[in-house]
Amino acid sequence: RIVHVRERSCACPIPAISFLRLGDSAYVPRPELVFLLLARHLELTALIAVGMEMCGHYRMVGAPTSNLLQSNRTLYNQNALTSPARITAYLGRADGFPGTRKALRAAKYLAADSASPMETALYLLLCLPQNLGGFGLPRPVLHVKCAVNKQAQAFTLSHNLIPDLYWAGARFDLEYDSEEFHSDPDSLAHGIRRTLALRAMHVDVMSMTSEVVR
């Protein structure tokens, strides 16, 4: 197998926590360093999208840099590689490294726990400032646990419900219903019970589809 290797050198000091050791002589960059390196090559909104993936629970296989919300294949239910707090803390130790200022600006808009590329797209569309193409709405939390109250127990056996995008102050939940996971009868029934349970907890619920988002 042919392996293409391209060497790079850097005159700036790199934080000591920048690499993970895989073996006796093999190291890979931590996600936080990858985020910083990508800041030199990606537009700001694309960098934010990559950061959301790193802090989320999906992986996009073969996503082109020209469209980071599309890929040949998407893996779901993955562990988060890092978090917005860890990225921000790392960037604070990389002062003077090329791209740090841009990376810090992007990190301000990151949210943890996105479950899919379309959830990320929806979050960015709603919450990025207008000069970055968003609507500038207050930011929700993604997939936070909400304890089920007595009234909601009539609709669900779960002890907790996890809204997709949740604005706690407004008690508002925005659900992204993908055709891939929400089209069969069992999934539709589960979604209806979930909505009824959330409404019994005095949470307003709205659903979005990929067609509406696009």
N, C-alpha and C. Protein backbone atom coordinates (compact mmCIF):
# COMPACT_ATOMS: atom_id res chain seq x y z
N ARG A 1 0.83 -1.19 0.00
CA ARG A 1 0.00 0.00 0.00
C ARG A 1 0.87 1.25 0.00
N ILE A 2 0.55 2.21 -0.85
CA ILE A 2 1.30 3.45 -0.94
C ILE A 2 0.78 4.42 0.12
N VAL A 3 1.70 4.95 0.91
CA VAL A 3 1.36 5.93 1.93
C VAL A 3 2.00 7.25 1.56
N HIS A 4 1.19 8.28 1.43
CA HIS A 4 1.70 9.60 1.10
C HIS A 4 1.95 10.39 2.39
N VAL A 5 3.13 10.87 2.56
CA VAL A 5 3.51 11.61 3.76
C VAL A 5 3.91 13.02 3.36
N ARG A 6 3.38 13.99 4.07
CA ARG A 6 3.75 15.38 3.82
C ARG A 6 4.25 15.96 5.14
N GLU A 7 5.45 16.49 5.13
CA GLU A 7 6.05 17.03 6.34
C GLU A 7 5.65 18.49 6.53
N ARG A 8 5.50 18.86 7.80
CA ARG A 8 5.23 20.24 8.16
C ARG A 8 6.12 20.60 9.34
N SER A 9 6.57 21.82 9.38
CA SER A 9 7.34 22.30 10.52
C SER A 9 6.66 23.53 11.09
N CYS A 10 6.86 23.75 12.37
CA CYS A 10 6.23 24.89 13.04
C CYS A 10 7.24 25.53 13.98
N ALA A 11 7.41 26.82 13.87
CA ALA A 11 8.35 27.54 14.73
C ALA A 11 7.72 27.94 16.06
N CYS A 12 6.37 27.88 16.14
CA CYS A 12 5.69 28.27 17.37
C CYS A 12 5.67 27.11 18.37
N PRO A 13 5.75 27.40 19.67
CA PRO A 13 5.64 26.32 20.67
C PRO A 13 4.25 25.72 20.66
N ILE A 14 4.17 24.40 20.76
CA ILE A 14 2.91 23.69 20.79
C ILE A 14 2.69 23.19 22.21
N PRO A 15 1.49 23.38 22.78
CA PRO A 15 1.23 22.90 24.14
C PRO A 15 1.56 21.42 24.30
N ALA A 16 2.09 21.06 25.45
CA ALA A 16 2.56 19.69 25.68
C ALA A 16 1.45 18.65 25.60
N ILE A 17 0.20 19.09 25.78
CA ILE A 17 -0.93 18.14 25.77
C ILE A 17 -1.51 17.95 24.38
N SER A 18 -0.75 18.28 23.34
CA SER A 18 -1.30 18.33 21.98
C SER A 18 -1.39 16.97 21.30
N PHE A 19 -0.72 15.94 21.83
CA PHE A 19 -0.67 14.67 21.11
C PHE A 19 -1.04 13.50 22.03
N LEU A 20 -1.58 12.47 21.38
CA LEU A 20 -1.86 11.20 22.05
C LEU A 20 -0.89 10.15 21.53
N ARG A 21 -0.37 9.33 22.43
CA ARG A 21 0.58 8.30 22.03
C ARG A 21 -0.14 7.02 21.68
N LEU A 22 0.14 6.50 20.48
CA LEU A 22 -0.48 5.25 20.03
C LEU A 22 0.43 4.05 20.20
N GLY A 23 1.71 4.28 20.26
CA GLY A 23 2.67 3.18 20.38
C GLY A 23 4.03 3.73 20.73
N ASP A 24 5.06 2.92 20.48
CA ASP A 24 6.41 3.34 20.83
C ASP A 24 6.86 4.59 20.09
N SER A 25 6.44 4.72 18.85
CA SER A 25 6.91 5.87 18.07
C SER A 25 5.79 6.50 17.24
N ALA A 26 4.55 6.27 17.63
CA ALA A 26 3.42 6.80 16.87
C ALA A 26 2.58 7.72 17.76
N TYR A 27 2.32 8.91 17.24
CA TYR A 27 1.51 9.89 17.96
C TYR A 27 0.47 10.46 16.99
N VAL A 28 -0.66 10.85 17.54
CA VAL A 28 -1.69 11.53 16.74
C VAL A 28 -2.08 12.81 17.46
N PRO A 29 -2.48 13.84 16.72
CA PRO A 29 -2.88 15.08 17.37
C PRO A 29 -4.23 14.92 18.08
N ARG A 30 -4.35 15.56 19.20
CA ARG A 30 -5.62 15.59 19.91
C ARG A 30 -6.65 16.39 19.10
N PRO A 31 -7.94 16.15 19.31
CA PRO A 31 -8.96 16.90 18.57
C PRO A 31 -8.81 18.41 18.71
N GLU A 32 -8.38 18.86 19.88
CA GLU A 32 -8.25 20.30 20.09
C GLU A 32 -7.18 20.90 19.18
N LEU A 33 -6.09 20.16 18.98
CA LEU A 33 -5.05 20.62 18.05
C LEU A 33 -5.55 20.56 16.62
N VAL A 34 -6.28 19.52 16.26
CA VAL A 34 -6.86 19.42 14.90
C VAL A 34 -7.76 20.63 14.63
N PHE A 35 -8.59 20.99 15.61
CA PHE A 35 -9.47 22.15 15.47
C PHE A 35 -8.65 23.41 15.19
N LEU A 36 -7.55 23.57 15.93
CA LEU A 36 -6.69 24.74 15.73
C LEU A 36 -6.03 24.71 14.36
N LEU A 37 -5.54 23.56 13.93
CA LEU A 37 -4.90 23.47 12.61
C LEU A 37 -5.89 23.76 11.49
N LEU A 38 -7.14 23.30 11.65
CA LEU A 38 -8.15 23.54 10.61
C LEU A 38 -8.53 25.01 10.50
N ALA A 39 -8.30 25.76 11.57
CA ALA A 39 -8.66 27.18 11.54
C ALA A 39 -7.87 27.93 10.47
N ARG A 40 -6.73 27.40 10.07
CA ARG A 40 -5.93 28.06 9.05
C ARG A 40 -6.47 27.82 7.64
N HIS A 41 -7.35 26.86 7.49
CA HIS A 41 -7.78 26.45 6.15
C HIS A 41 -9.28 26.58 5.90
N LEU A 42 -10.10 26.62 6.94
CA LEU A 42 -11.55 26.62 6.77
C LEU A 42 -12.15 28.00 7.02
N GLU A 43 -13.27 28.25 6.34
CA GLU A 43 -14.07 29.42 6.66
C GLU A 43 -14.62 29.27 8.08
N LEU A 44 -14.99 30.39 8.70
CA LEU A 44 -15.38 30.37 10.10
C LEU A 44 -16.57 29.44 10.35
N THR A 45 -17.62 29.53 9.52
CA THR A 45 -18.80 28.70 9.75
C THR A 45 -18.49 27.22 9.54
N ALA A 46 -17.61 26.91 8.58
CA ALA A 46 -17.21 25.52 8.38
C ALA A 46 -16.43 25.01 9.59
N LEU A 47 -15.59 25.86 10.16
CA LEU A 47 -14.83 25.47 11.34
C LEU A 47 -15.77 25.21 12.52
N ILE A 48 -16.79 26.02 12.67
CA ILE A 48 -17.77 25.79 13.74
C ILE A 48 -18.48 24.46 13.53
N ALA A 49 -18.83 24.16 12.27
CA ALA A 49 -19.50 22.88 11.98
C ALA A 49 -18.62 21.70 12.35
N VAL A 50 -17.33 21.77 12.04
CA VAL A 50 -16.40 20.70 12.41
C VAL A 50 -16.31 20.58 13.93
N GLY A 51 -16.24 21.72 14.61
CA GLY A 51 -16.19 21.69 16.07
C GLY A 51 -17.42 21.07 16.69
N MET A 52 -18.59 21.33 16.10
CA MET A 52 -19.83 20.72 16.59
C MET A 52 -19.78 19.20 16.43
N GLU A 53 -19.21 18.74 15.32
CA GLU A 53 -19.06 17.30 15.11
C GLU A 53 -18.11 16.71 16.15
N MET A 54 -16.99 17.38 16.40
CA MET A 54 -16.04 16.88 17.40
C MET A 54 -16.66 16.80 18.79
N CYS A 55 -17.53 17.75 19.10
CA CYS A 55 -18.17 17.79 20.42
C CYS A 55 -19.49 17.03 20.43
N GLY A 56 -19.84 16.41 19.29
CA GLY A 56 -21.13 15.73 19.18
C GLY A 56 -20.98 14.23 19.14
N HIS A 57 -22.07 13.57 18.76
CA HIS A 57 -22.14 12.11 18.81
C HIS A 57 -22.37 11.49 17.44
N TYR A 58 -21.77 12.06 16.43
CA TYR A 58 -21.82 11.52 15.07
C TYR A 58 -20.48 11.77 14.41
N ARG A 59 -20.19 10.96 13.39
CA ARG A 59 -18.97 11.13 12.61
C ARG A 59 -19.34 11.07 11.13
N MET A 60 -18.83 12.00 10.37
CA MET A 60 -19.11 12.08 8.95
C MET A 60 -17.93 11.50 8.18
N VAL A 61 -18.18 10.47 7.39
CA VAL A 61 -17.13 9.76 6.65
C VAL A 61 -17.08 10.33 5.24
N GLY A 62 -15.93 10.87 4.87
CA GLY A 62 -15.76 11.38 3.51
C GLY A 62 -16.42 12.71 3.25
N ALA A 63 -16.57 13.54 4.28
CA ALA A 63 -17.19 14.85 4.07
C ALA A 63 -16.20 15.79 3.38
N PRO A 64 -16.58 16.40 2.27
CA PRO A 64 -15.67 17.33 1.59
C PRO A 64 -15.60 18.65 2.34
N THR A 65 -14.47 19.32 2.29
CA THR A 65 -14.35 20.61 2.97
C THR A 65 -15.26 21.66 2.35
N SER A 66 -15.74 21.44 1.13
CA SER A 66 -16.64 22.40 0.50
C SER A 66 -18.05 22.32 1.06
N ASN A 67 -18.41 21.19 1.68
CA ASN A 67 -19.74 21.04 2.29
C ASN A 67 -19.62 20.06 3.45
N LEU A 68 -19.38 20.59 4.63
CA LEU A 68 -19.09 19.77 5.79
C LEU A 68 -20.33 19.21 6.46
N LEU A 69 -21.51 19.47 5.88
CA LEU A 69 -22.74 18.89 6.41
C LEU A 69 -23.23 17.75 5.54
N GLN A 70 -22.45 17.34 4.56
CA GLN A 70 -22.78 16.19 3.74
C GLN A 70 -21.60 15.24 3.70
N SER A 71 -21.88 13.95 3.61
CA SER A 71 -20.81 12.97 3.58
C SER A 71 -21.29 11.72 2.87
N ASN A 72 -20.35 10.84 2.56
CA ASN A 72 -20.71 9.56 1.97
C ASN A 72 -21.48 8.68 2.95
N ARG A 73 -21.13 8.80 4.22
CA ARG A 73 -21.75 7.97 5.25
C ARG A 73 -21.63 8.68 6.59
N THR A 74 -22.65 8.58 7.43
CA THR A 74 -22.62 9.18 8.76
C THR A 74 -22.76 8.09 9.81
N LEU A 75 -21.88 8.10 10.79
CA LEU A 75 -21.94 7.18 11.91
C LEU A 75 -22.60 7.89 13.09
N TYR A 76 -23.58 7.23 13.71
CA TYR A 76 -24.32 7.83 14.81
C TYR A 76 -23.97 7.14 16.13
N ASN A 77 -24.42 7.73 17.23
CA ASN A 77 -24.23 7.17 18.58
C ASN A 77 -22.76 6.98 18.90
N GLN A 78 -21.94 7.96 18.52
CA GLN A 78 -20.51 7.93 18.80
C GLN A 78 -20.21 8.74 20.07
N ASN A 79 -19.10 8.42 20.70
CA ASN A 79 -18.66 9.21 21.85
C ASN A 79 -18.11 10.55 21.37
N ALA A 80 -18.36 11.59 22.15
CA ALA A 80 -17.80 12.90 21.83
C ALA A 80 -16.28 12.85 21.93
N LEU A 81 -15.59 13.49 20.99
CA LEU A 81 -14.14 13.51 20.99
C LEU A 81 -13.58 14.55 21.95
N THR A 82 -14.33 15.62 22.16
CA THR A 82 -13.88 16.70 23.03
C THR A 82 -15.11 17.50 23.44
N SER A 83 -14.91 18.68 23.99
CA SER A 83 -16.02 19.53 24.42
C SER A 83 -15.66 20.98 24.13
N PRO A 84 -16.65 21.87 24.07
CA PRO A 84 -16.33 23.29 23.87
C PRO A 84 -15.38 23.83 24.94
N ALA A 85 -15.57 23.39 26.19
CA ALA A 85 -14.70 23.88 27.27
C ALA A 85 -13.26 23.42 27.07
N ARG A 86 -13.07 22.18 26.66
CA ARG A 86 -11.72 21.67 26.46
C ARG A 86 -11.04 22.34 25.27
N ILE A 87 -11.80 22.60 24.21
CA ILE A 87 -11.23 23.31 23.06
C ILE A 87 -10.81 24.71 23.47
N THR A 88 -11.67 25.42 24.20
CA THR A 88 -11.36 26.78 24.62
C THR A 88 -10.15 26.81 25.55
N ALA A 89 -10.08 25.84 26.48
CA ALA A 89 -8.94 25.79 27.40
C ALA A 89 -7.64 25.53 26.65
N TYR A 90 -7.69 24.63 25.66
CA TYR A 90 -6.48 24.34 24.88
C TYR A 90 -6.03 25.57 24.11
N LEU A 91 -6.98 26.26 23.47
CA LEU A 91 -6.62 27.44 22.68
C LEU A 91 -6.00 28.52 23.57
N GLY A 92 -6.42 28.56 24.83
CA GLY A 92 -5.82 29.52 25.75
C GLY A 92 -4.36 29.24 26.02
N ARG A 93 -3.92 28.00 25.79
CA ARG A 93 -2.52 27.63 26.00
C ARG A 93 -1.72 27.67 24.70
N ALA A 94 -2.38 28.00 23.59
CA ALA A 94 -1.71 28.02 22.29
C ALA A 94 -1.58 29.43 21.75
N ASP A 95 -1.45 30.39 22.64
CA ASP A 95 -1.35 31.78 22.24
C ASP A 95 -0.15 31.99 21.31
N GLY A 96 -0.37 32.65 20.21
CA GLY A 96 0.69 32.90 19.24
C GLY A 96 0.74 31.90 18.11
N PHE A 97 0.04 30.77 18.25
CA PHE A 97 0.01 29.78 17.18
C PHE A 97 -0.87 30.31 16.05
N PRO A 98 -0.46 30.13 14.79
CA PRO A 98 -1.27 30.64 13.68
C PRO A 98 -2.69 30.07 13.71
N GLY A 99 -3.67 30.95 13.59
CA GLY A 99 -5.06 30.53 13.57
C GLY A 99 -5.75 30.57 14.92
N THR A 100 -5.02 30.87 16.00
CA THR A 100 -5.62 30.84 17.33
C THR A 100 -6.77 31.83 17.47
N ARG A 101 -6.60 33.03 16.97
CA ARG A 101 -7.65 34.03 17.12
C ARG A 101 -8.93 33.59 16.42
N LYS A 102 -8.80 33.06 15.23
CA LYS A 102 -9.98 32.58 14.49
C LYS A 102 -10.61 31.38 15.19
N ALA A 103 -9.78 30.47 15.69
CA ALA A 103 -10.29 29.30 16.40
C ALA A 103 -11.04 29.70 17.66
N LEU A 104 -10.53 30.69 18.39
CA LEU A 104 -11.21 31.17 19.60
C LEU A 104 -12.56 31.79 19.25
N ARG A 105 -12.61 32.50 18.15
CA ARG A 105 -13.89 33.08 17.73
C ARG A 105 -14.89 31.98 17.40
N ALA A 106 -14.44 30.95 16.70
CA ALA A 106 -15.33 29.83 16.36
C ALA A 106 -15.78 29.09 17.61
N ALA A 107 -14.86 28.91 18.57
CA ALA A 107 -15.18 28.14 19.77
C ALA A 107 -16.30 28.79 20.58
N LYS A 108 -16.47 30.11 20.47
CA LYS A 108 -17.53 30.80 21.22
C LYS A 108 -18.91 30.30 20.83
N TYR A 109 -19.05 29.77 19.63
CA TYR A 109 -20.37 29.37 19.14
C TYR A 109 -20.62 27.86 19.24
N LEU A 110 -19.68 27.11 19.78
CA LEU A 110 -19.83 25.66 19.84
C LEU A 110 -20.82 25.25 20.93
N ALA A 111 -21.54 24.17 20.65
CA ALA A 111 -22.42 23.55 21.64
C ALA A 111 -22.12 22.06 21.66
N ALA A 112 -22.26 21.46 22.80
CA ALA A 112 -21.97 20.03 22.96
C ALA A 112 -23.21 19.19 22.65
N ASP A 113 -22.95 17.92 22.28
CA ASP A 113 -23.95 16.85 22.24
C ASP A 113 -24.90 16.88 21.05
N SER A 114 -24.52 17.51 19.95
CA SER A 114 -25.33 17.37 18.74
C SER A 114 -25.32 15.91 18.29
N ALA A 115 -26.48 15.41 17.86
CA ALA A 115 -26.60 14.00 17.53
C ALA A 115 -26.54 13.72 16.03
N SER A 116 -26.54 14.76 15.20
CA SER A 116 -26.56 14.53 13.76
C SER A 116 -26.12 15.79 13.01
N PRO A 117 -25.71 15.64 11.75
CA PRO A 117 -25.35 16.82 10.96
C PRO A 117 -26.49 17.81 10.81
N MET A 118 -27.72 17.30 10.69
CA MET A 118 -28.85 18.22 10.50
C MET A 118 -29.19 18.95 11.80
N GLU A 119 -28.98 18.32 12.95
CA GLU A 119 -29.15 19.05 14.20
C GLU A 119 -28.13 20.18 14.29
N THR A 120 -26.91 19.90 13.86
CA THR A 120 -25.89 20.95 13.83
C THR A 120 -26.30 22.06 12.88
N ALA A 121 -26.78 21.71 11.70
CA ALA A 121 -27.22 22.71 10.72
C ALA A 121 -28.34 23.57 11.30
N LEU A 122 -29.29 22.93 11.98
CA LEU A 122 -30.42 23.65 12.56
C LEU A 122 -29.94 24.59 13.66
N TYR A 123 -29.05 24.11 14.51
CA TYR A 123 -28.51 24.95 15.57
C TYR A 123 -27.78 26.16 14.99
N LEU A 124 -26.93 25.94 13.98
CA LEU A 124 -26.18 27.05 13.39
C LEU A 124 -27.10 28.03 12.70
N LEU A 125 -28.09 27.52 11.99
CA LEU A 125 -29.03 28.38 11.28
C LEU A 125 -29.78 29.29 12.24
N LEU A 126 -30.20 28.75 13.37
CA LEU A 126 -30.99 29.53 14.31
C LEU A 126 -30.15 30.45 15.18
N CYS A 127 -28.96 30.01 15.57
CA CYS A 127 -28.26 30.66 16.68
C CYS A 127 -27.02 31.45 16.30
N LEU A 128 -26.43 31.21 15.14
CA LEU A 128 -25.31 32.05 14.75
C LEU A 128 -25.79 33.49 14.54
N PRO A 129 -24.92 34.47 14.76
CA PRO A 129 -25.34 35.86 14.51
C PRO A 129 -25.64 36.08 13.03
N GLN A 130 -26.35 37.14 12.77
CA GLN A 130 -26.79 37.39 11.39
C GLN A 130 -25.62 37.59 10.44
N ASN A 131 -24.53 38.17 10.92
CA ASN A 131 -23.39 38.38 10.01
C ASN A 131 -22.68 37.08 9.65
N LEU A 132 -23.06 35.97 10.32
CA LEU A 132 -22.53 34.65 9.95
C LEU A 132 -23.61 33.77 9.32
N GLY A 133 -24.75 34.37 8.98
CA GLY A 133 -25.79 33.64 8.26
C GLY A 133 -26.87 33.05 9.12
N GLY A 134 -26.86 33.32 10.43
CA GLY A 134 -27.89 32.77 11.32
C GLY A 134 -28.96 33.80 11.65
N PHE A 135 -29.88 33.39 12.51
CA PHE A 135 -30.95 34.28 12.95
C PHE A 135 -30.64 34.97 14.27
N GLY A 136 -29.54 34.59 14.92
CA GLY A 136 -29.14 35.27 16.15
C GLY A 136 -30.03 34.99 17.34
N LEU A 137 -30.70 33.83 17.37
CA LEU A 137 -31.57 33.50 18.50
C LEU A 137 -30.74 33.08 19.71
N PRO A 138 -31.31 33.17 20.90
CA PRO A 138 -30.60 32.64 22.08
C PRO A 138 -30.28 31.17 21.89
N ARG A 139 -29.20 30.73 22.49
CA ARG A 139 -28.74 29.36 22.27
C ARG A 139 -29.47 28.38 23.18
N PRO A 140 -29.87 27.23 22.63
CA PRO A 140 -30.44 26.18 23.46
C PRO A 140 -29.35 25.26 23.98
N VAL A 141 -29.75 24.34 24.85
CA VAL A 141 -28.87 23.21 25.18
C VAL A 141 -29.36 22.02 24.37
N LEU A 142 -28.44 21.15 24.00
CA LEU A 142 -28.77 20.00 23.15
C LEU A 142 -28.79 18.73 23.99
N HIS A 143 -29.90 18.02 23.93
CA HIS A 143 -30.03 16.71 24.55
C HIS A 143 -29.75 16.72 26.05
N VAL A 144 -30.41 17.65 26.73
CA VAL A 144 -30.32 17.71 28.18
C VAL A 144 -31.43 16.84 28.78
N LYS A 145 -31.15 16.18 29.89
CA LYS A 145 -32.16 15.33 30.53
C LYS A 145 -33.17 16.18 31.30
N CYS A 146 -34.46 15.89 31.07
CA CYS A 146 -35.54 16.55 31.80
C CYS A 146 -36.31 15.48 32.57
N ALA A 147 -36.35 15.59 33.87
CA ALA A 147 -37.03 14.59 34.69
C ALA A 147 -38.52 14.60 34.41
N VAL A 148 -39.11 13.41 34.25
CA VAL A 148 -40.54 13.26 33.96
C VAL A 148 -41.35 13.50 35.23
N ASN A 149 -42.40 14.32 35.13
CA ASN A 149 -43.25 14.55 36.29
C ASN A 149 -44.41 13.56 36.30
N LYS A 150 -45.26 13.66 37.30
CA LYS A 150 -46.34 12.69 37.47
C LYS A 150 -47.32 12.73 36.31
N GLN A 151 -47.62 13.92 35.81
CA GLN A 151 -48.57 14.04 34.70
C GLN A 151 -48.03 13.38 33.43
N ALA A 152 -46.73 13.48 33.21
CA ALA A 152 -46.14 12.93 31.98
C ALA A 152 -46.03 11.42 32.03
N GLN A 153 -46.10 10.81 33.22
CA GLN A 153 -45.96 9.36 33.34
C GLN A 153 -47.08 8.60 32.64
N ALA A 154 -48.17 9.27 32.35
CA ALA A 154 -49.27 8.63 31.63
C ALA A 154 -48.91 8.34 30.17
N PHE A 155 -47.86 8.98 29.67
CA PHE A 155 -47.50 8.85 28.26
C PHE A 155 -46.17 8.15 28.02
N THR A 156 -45.37 7.98 29.04
CA THR A 156 -44.04 7.39 28.83
C THR A 156 -43.61 6.59 30.05
N LEU A 157 -42.81 5.57 29.80
CA LEU A 157 -42.24 4.76 30.88
C LEU A 157 -40.86 5.26 31.29
N SER A 158 -40.35 6.24 30.57
CA SER A 158 -39.01 6.77 30.86
C SER A 158 -39.05 7.68 32.09
N HIS A 159 -37.94 7.68 32.81
CA HIS A 159 -37.82 8.59 33.95
C HIS A 159 -37.32 9.97 33.51
N ASN A 160 -36.68 10.02 32.34
CA ASN A 160 -36.18 11.28 31.80
C ASN A 160 -36.53 11.37 30.32
N LEU A 161 -36.80 12.58 29.87
CA LEU A 161 -36.96 12.86 28.45
C LEU A 161 -35.81 13.77 28.02
N ILE A 162 -35.36 13.60 26.78
CA ILE A 162 -34.19 14.34 26.32
C ILE A 162 -34.56 15.12 25.05
N PRO A 163 -34.97 16.37 25.18
CA PRO A 163 -35.29 17.18 24.00
C PRO A 163 -34.06 17.38 23.11
N ASP A 164 -34.30 17.57 21.82
CA ASP A 164 -33.19 17.79 20.89
C ASP A 164 -32.53 19.15 21.13
N LEU A 165 -33.27 20.21 20.89
CA LEU A 165 -32.79 21.57 21.15
C LEU A 165 -33.77 22.19 22.15
N TYR A 166 -33.28 22.51 23.35
CA TYR A 166 -34.18 22.90 24.44
C TYR A 166 -33.80 24.27 24.98
N TRP A 167 -34.78 25.18 24.95
CA TRP A 167 -34.65 26.50 25.55
C TRP A 167 -35.34 26.45 26.91
N ALA A 168 -34.57 26.28 27.98
CA ALA A 168 -35.14 26.04 29.30
C ALA A 168 -35.97 27.23 29.78
N GLY A 169 -35.47 28.45 29.54
CA GLY A 169 -36.18 29.62 30.02
C GLY A 169 -37.56 29.77 29.39
N ALA A 170 -37.67 29.39 28.13
CA ALA A 170 -38.95 29.47 27.42
C ALA A 170 -39.73 28.17 27.50
N ARG A 171 -39.13 27.12 28.07
CA ARG A 171 -39.73 25.78 28.10
C ARG A 171 -40.18 25.38 26.70
N PHE A 172 -39.24 25.44 25.78
CA PHE A 172 -39.52 25.18 24.37
C PHE A 172 -38.55 24.14 23.84
N ASP A 173 -39.08 23.13 23.16
CA ASP A 173 -38.28 22.04 22.60
C ASP A 173 -38.46 22.02 21.09
N LEU A 174 -37.35 22.06 20.37
CA LEU A 174 -37.38 21.93 18.91
C LEU A 174 -36.81 20.57 18.55
N GLU A 175 -37.64 19.72 17.96
CA GLU A 175 -37.26 18.35 17.61
C GLU A 175 -36.91 18.27 16.13
N TYR A 176 -35.80 17.60 15.83
CA TYR A 176 -35.50 17.30 14.43
C TYR A 176 -35.90 15.86 14.15
N ASP A 177 -36.89 15.68 13.30
CA ASP A 177 -37.39 14.35 12.95
C ASP A 177 -36.83 13.95 11.59
N SER A 178 -35.82 13.10 11.61
CA SER A 178 -35.22 12.66 10.36
C SER A 178 -36.05 11.57 9.71
N GLU A 179 -36.05 11.54 8.39
CA GLU A 179 -36.76 10.48 7.68
C GLU A 179 -36.11 9.13 7.94
N GLU A 180 -34.81 9.13 8.21
CA GLU A 180 -34.08 7.88 8.40
C GLU A 180 -34.51 7.15 9.66
N PHE A 181 -34.83 7.91 10.73
CA PHE A 181 -35.08 7.28 12.03
C PHE A 181 -36.49 7.51 12.57
N HIS A 182 -37.32 8.27 11.87
CA HIS A 182 -38.63 8.61 12.42
C HIS A 182 -39.79 8.29 11.49
N SER A 183 -39.58 7.42 10.51
CA SER A 183 -40.63 7.19 9.52
C SER A 183 -41.42 5.90 9.74
N ASP A 184 -40.87 4.93 10.48
CA ASP A 184 -41.60 3.68 10.69
C ASP A 184 -42.66 3.86 11.77
N PRO A 185 -43.70 3.00 11.80
CA PRO A 185 -44.82 3.17 12.75
C PRO A 185 -44.39 3.22 14.21
N ASP A 186 -43.44 2.36 14.61
CA ASP A 186 -43.01 2.36 16.02
C ASP A 186 -42.35 3.68 16.39
N SER A 187 -41.51 4.19 15.49
CA SER A 187 -40.84 5.46 15.77
C SER A 187 -41.83 6.62 15.81
N LEU A 188 -42.81 6.59 14.92
CA LEU A 188 -43.83 7.64 14.92
C LEU A 188 -44.64 7.61 16.21
N ALA A 189 -45.02 6.41 16.65
CA ALA A 189 -45.78 6.29 17.89
C ALA A 189 -44.96 6.76 19.08
N HIS A 190 -43.68 6.38 19.10
CA HIS A 190 -42.80 6.82 20.19
C HIS A 190 -42.69 8.34 20.21
N GLY A 191 -42.55 8.94 19.03
CA GLY A 191 -42.44 10.39 18.96
C GLY A 191 -43.69 11.09 19.45
N ILE A 192 -44.86 10.53 19.14
CA ILE A 192 -46.11 11.13 19.59
C ILE A 192 -46.23 11.05 21.11
N ARG A 193 -45.90 9.87 21.67
CA ARG A 193 -45.95 9.72 23.14
C ARG A 193 -44.98 10.68 23.82
N ARG A 194 -43.81 10.83 23.21
CA ARG A 194 -42.80 11.74 23.77
C ARG A 194 -43.30 13.18 23.75
N THR A 195 -43.91 13.58 22.64
CA THR A 195 -44.45 14.94 22.55
C THR A 195 -45.54 15.17 23.58
N LEU A 196 -46.44 14.20 23.74
CA LEU A 196 -47.51 14.34 24.72
C LEU A 196 -46.95 14.43 26.13
N ALA A 197 -45.91 13.65 26.41
CA ALA A 197 -45.30 13.70 27.74
C ALA A 197 -44.66 15.06 27.99
N LEU A 198 -43.95 15.59 27.00
CA LEU A 198 -43.33 16.90 27.18
C LEU A 198 -44.38 17.99 27.37
N ARG A 199 -45.46 17.91 26.63
CA ARG A 199 -46.53 18.90 26.79
C ARG A 199 -47.19 18.78 28.15
N ALA A 200 -47.28 17.55 28.67
CA ALA A 200 -47.80 17.37 30.03
C ALA A 200 -46.87 18.00 31.06
N MET A 201 -45.59 18.18 30.68
CA MET A 201 -44.62 18.85 31.55
C MET A 201 -44.55 20.35 31.26
N HIS A 202 -45.55 20.86 30.50
CA HIS A 202 -45.65 22.28 30.14
C HIS A 202 -44.47 22.74 29.30
N VAL A 203 -44.01 21.85 28.40
CA VAL A 203 -42.97 22.19 27.44
C VAL A 203 -43.61 22.26 26.06
N ASP A 204 -43.49 23.39 25.39
CA ASP A 204 -43.97 23.50 24.02
C ASP A 204 -43.03 22.74 23.09
N VAL A 205 -43.60 22.00 22.14
CA VAL A 205 -42.81 21.16 21.25
C VAL A 205 -43.11 21.51 19.80
N MET A 206 -42.06 21.68 19.01
CA MET A 206 -42.21 21.88 17.57
C MET A 206 -41.27 20.91 16.87
N SER A 207 -41.73 20.32 15.77
CA SER A 207 -40.91 19.38 15.01
C SER A 207 -40.47 20.00 13.70
N MET A 208 -39.25 19.65 13.30
CA MET A 208 -38.70 20.08 12.03
C MET A 208 -38.24 18.87 11.23
N THR A 209 -38.36 18.94 9.92
CA THR A 209 -37.85 17.90 9.04
C THR A 209 -36.72 18.46 8.19
N SER A 210 -36.00 17.57 7.51
CA SER A 210 -34.90 18.04 6.67
C SER A 210 -35.39 18.98 5.57
N GLU A 211 -36.58 18.72 5.05
CA GLU A 211 -37.13 19.57 3.99
C GLU A 211 -37.35 20.99 4.51
N VAL A 212 -37.88 21.10 5.71
CA VAL A 212 -38.13 22.43 6.30
C VAL A 212 -36.80 23.14 6.57
N VAL A 213 -35.83 22.41 7.11
CA VAL A 213 -34.54 23.02 7.42
C VAL A 213 -33.87 23.52 6.15
N ARG A 214 -33.88 22.70 5.10
CA ARG A 214 -33.24 23.10 3.85
C ARG A 214 -33.96 24.28 3.19
